[in-house]
Amino acid sequence: MKILLLSHYYWPEVGAPQRRWATLVSHFVRQGHQVVVAAPHPHYPHSRRDEFFGSAVGRFRTRVDAKLGGTWELGELGERIIRVPYLHSGSSMARQLLDQGVASAGAVNAIIRRMGGPYAPDVVISTTPALPFLFAGDAVARALRVPHIAEVRDVWPDLISDLSLVKNAVGKYLPRAATAYLEEKVLPGLLTLVQRRASAVVVTTESFRYLLERRGIRSEVVRSGVGQSEIDQLPHRCTVADCDRKLLYVGTVGRSQDLSSAIAAASRVPGIKLRIVGDGADRANLETLARTLGAPVEFFEQTTGQALAEHWEWADVGLVSLGDVPAHALTVPSKLYSLMARRVPILGIVAGEAAEIISENRAGVVARPGDVDSIVTALQALVQGVKSPDSVGHEWVVNHASVDVMGAEYDRILERVRP
């Protein structure tokens, strides 16, 4: 089967979407499928690729496919990559959306010009978190007359209004009535239309699937899969002897994570140290907040390999955090599964399905998003003592969120939409 993937985030970038699709593309290639990926030149979370390749995680470059021209690359997994234009983005939501919009338009143009006729794929898969790529996937699939699998990893369209997407991006240029109309009517209507037209819609949580079902949209749950190497690791153990509790956050440092609440709470709880490893649009603001509050917080650049392993050797507890917006109650961050697989105690500043998974599997402590007092109470409990999770959460991940389960679910979906 010839599979075309459209994504704004892809290898060699580091992050949850990149890990998910590196795993799936590797699985597809092992199954004998031919995979082409349309993605921008790697740059996230930086504004341009030179900054990315100069960072701690930017050590890998793909090889140009000389047979097919300079914009095609050979991926390390056996896939071919069409590198498409992108805009030098910044920390503002407007610049990020422009970057994603330019890249998605570039992907449509490149694919329509180069992949028609005998080169056409059998199926198109588009994936968020870059919202414009869902529209690009719909356009490409309709132009080439092939099935479209729309992977909606975030709770779209609900997040459009929850995050005031239009207001934050272009609100200063438009009347309030216009931004409200775009957020509440136009964009949700267009996205719902794309979801209805897709041959399959893939989501990552049961709660979001139920919501789409009530809207008359059939969807399939494919959770992000934890690799066997993490599943096979020995249970996490604290290796430090002092009395402080070490809390580690690894991942995107953005607005959606609302790490400001965790920082504010940490400033109020003696015996807590917080370490944040990663980059994102909110990092500078968080550094300023930590200095202002005198909070016990350290910031480190995004990293991988042994350097990241050393951060985990330092840590007692892993932090998973989301902001207090309704759509986040339907979201489960993929790092939660990784921590459960490795039996790392979790502080989950989460609600809804994510909170239920932590509580039901005795994987850690839960605090209410946006409620600093609730987070303070959870941190105080951690200072009193950290209980190592038992095997229940580990077994849940093996049965529901492993790479084997993820691959098998996608195989089933591909077979169902096969022309």
Foldseek 3Di string as FASTA:
>chain_A
DEEEEEEQDEPPDDAQVHVLVVLQLLLCVVVVYAYEYEYAQDAPPAQDLVVQCVDQSNVDDFAADVVVDRQWTQDPSRYIYRHFDFGRAALFLQRVLRRLQRSLVRSLVVCVVPQADPNPGQEYEYEDPNVVRLVSQLVNCVVRVHAYEYEYAALPPVVLVLVLSQCRNCVVPDPPVVSCCCSPPVRRVVVLVSQQRGPAYEYAFPVSQVVVVVVVGHYHHQHAADEPVLLPAAAQDADDDDLAAEEEEEHEPEDFQPCLLVQVLQLVAPRYAYEYEEYGSCVVVSVVSCVVSVGRYHYHYHHDDPVVVVSSNNHQEYEGGGAPTVRQLRHADNVLLSCLSNQRAYEYCGHHPNVCLCVVQVRYHYFHHPDSVRSNVRVNVVSVHGDGGDCSSNVCSVVRHHSVSSNVSVVVVCVVRRD
